[in-house]
Amino acid sequence: QNCHLNLDRKTGYCKGYALVEYEKRSMADDAIKKCHKEDLLGQTIGVEFAFMEGPGGGRGGSGGPRRWDGRRGGGGGGGGRGRGQGRRY
């Protein structure tokens, strides 16, 4: 569904990983099975889950991305995302 390639702010180069979001868990499982430890441009890549639920987790915010069962995680009464408390991938 979505792909996010993280870049280093100072150099502008890729940090060496990407986050890929799938609509269904079965699609993510297939990607892991097919791509983990495969060669990509001379490098062996590792493919695994970064997280299973949206980063909301009940701490406030917009509820985060959809979970594998199609519902949104978290949400609620605000707070929780002050300085230094952003999403961790």
Protein backbone atom coordinates (compact mmCIF):
# COMPACT_ATOMS: atom_id res chain seq x y z
CA GLN A 1 0.00 0.00 0.00
CA ASN A 2 2.74 2.50 1.01
CA CYS A 3 6.53 2.55 0.96
CA HIS A 4 8.68 4.98 2.94
CA LEU A 5 12.41 5.24 2.24
CA ASN A 6 14.17 7.06 5.07
CA LEU A 7 16.95 9.49 4.15
CA ASP A 8 19.71 10.89 6.32
CA ARG A 9 19.04 14.60 6.89
CA LYS A 10 22.69 15.60 6.71
CA THR A 11 23.84 13.56 3.71
CA GLY A 12 20.59 12.99 1.81
CA TYR A 13 21.52 9.33 1.35
CA CYS A 14 19.30 6.40 2.23
CA LYS A 15 19.69 5.20 5.81
CA GLY A 16 19.69 1.61 4.59
CA TYR A 17 16.13 0.56 5.27
CA ALA A 18 12.60 1.13 4.04
CA LEU A 19 9.18 0.72 5.60
CA VAL A 20 6.55 -0.99 3.45
CA GLU A 21 2.88 -1.10 4.44
CA TYR A 22 0.61 -3.88 3.16
CA GLU A 23 -3.18 -3.99 3.08
CA LYS A 24 -3.31 -7.56 4.46
CA ARG A 25 -1.03 -9.51 6.74
CA SER A 26 -0.92 -12.39 4.24
CA MET A 27 0.65 -10.03 1.69
CA ALA A 28 3.32 -9.01 4.21
CA ASP A 29 4.00 -12.64 5.11
CA ASP A 30 4.48 -13.48 1.41
CA ALA A 31 6.93 -10.58 0.98
CA ILE A 32 8.97 -11.77 3.96
CA LYS A 33 9.09 -15.35 2.66
CA LYS A 34 10.08 -14.30 -0.86
CA CYS A 35 12.54 -11.50 -0.10
CA HIS A 36 14.28 -12.22 3.24
CA LYS A 37 17.99 -12.98 2.71
CA GLU A 38 17.74 -12.35 -1.05
CA ASP A 39 20.37 -10.48 -3.06
CA LEU A 40 19.59 -6.89 -4.12
CA LEU A 41 22.30 -5.03 -6.04
CA GLY A 42 25.03 -7.15 -4.48
CA GLN A 43 23.71 -6.85 -0.92
CA THR A 44 21.82 -9.44 1.11
CA ILE A 45 18.62 -7.87 2.39
CA GLY A 46 16.67 -8.66 5.54
CA VAL A 47 12.89 -8.42 5.51
CA GLU A 48 10.90 -8.56 8.74
CA PHE A 49 8.06 -6.87 10.62
CA ALA A 50 8.79 -3.43 12.06
CA PHE A 51 5.56 -3.38 14.09
CA MET A 52 2.23 -5.15 14.09
CA GLU A 53 -0.11 -2.37 15.24
CA GLY A 54 -0.39 1.31 14.58
CA PRO A 55 1.87 3.46 16.76
CA GLY A 56 -1.16 5.15 18.45
CA GLY A 57 -1.43 2.44 21.10
CA GLY A 58 -3.93 4.38 23.19
CA ARG A 59 -1.55 7.29 23.93
CA GLY A 60 -3.51 9.83 21.92
CA GLY A 61 -3.05 11.13 18.42
CA SER A 62 -4.95 10.24 15.29
CA GLY A 63 -5.06 6.51 15.88
CA GLY A 64 -2.20 5.49 13.60
CA PRO A 65 -2.25 3.15 10.62
CA ARG A 66 -4.67 0.28 10.24
CA ARG A 67 -3.96 -2.91 12.09
CA TRP A 68 -4.02 -6.33 10.42
CA ASP A 69 -7.68 -6.81 11.37
CA GLY A 70 -8.65 -3.59 9.54
CA ARG A 71 -9.38 -1.50 12.66
CA ARG A 72 -7.40 1.57 13.66
CA GLY A 73 -5.25 1.31 16.77
CA GLY A 74 -4.96 3.84 19.56
CA GLY A 75 -6.54 7.24 19.34
CA GLY A 76 -8.17 9.04 22.18
CA GLY A 77 -7.53 11.83 24.60
CA GLY A 78 -4.47 13.59 23.18
CA GLY A 79 -1.05 13.94 24.75
CA GLY A 80 1.87 11.56 24.57
CA ARG A 81 3.76 13.00 21.61
CA GLY A 82 5.86 15.76 23.10
CA ARG A 83 9.44 16.44 22.10
CA GLY A 84 11.42 13.24 21.70
CA GLN A 85 8.36 11.00 21.84
CA GLY A 86 7.76 10.52 18.12
CA ARG A 87 7.19 7.28 16.29
CA ARG A 88 9.91 4.68 16.46
CA TYR A 89 10.37 2.31 13.56
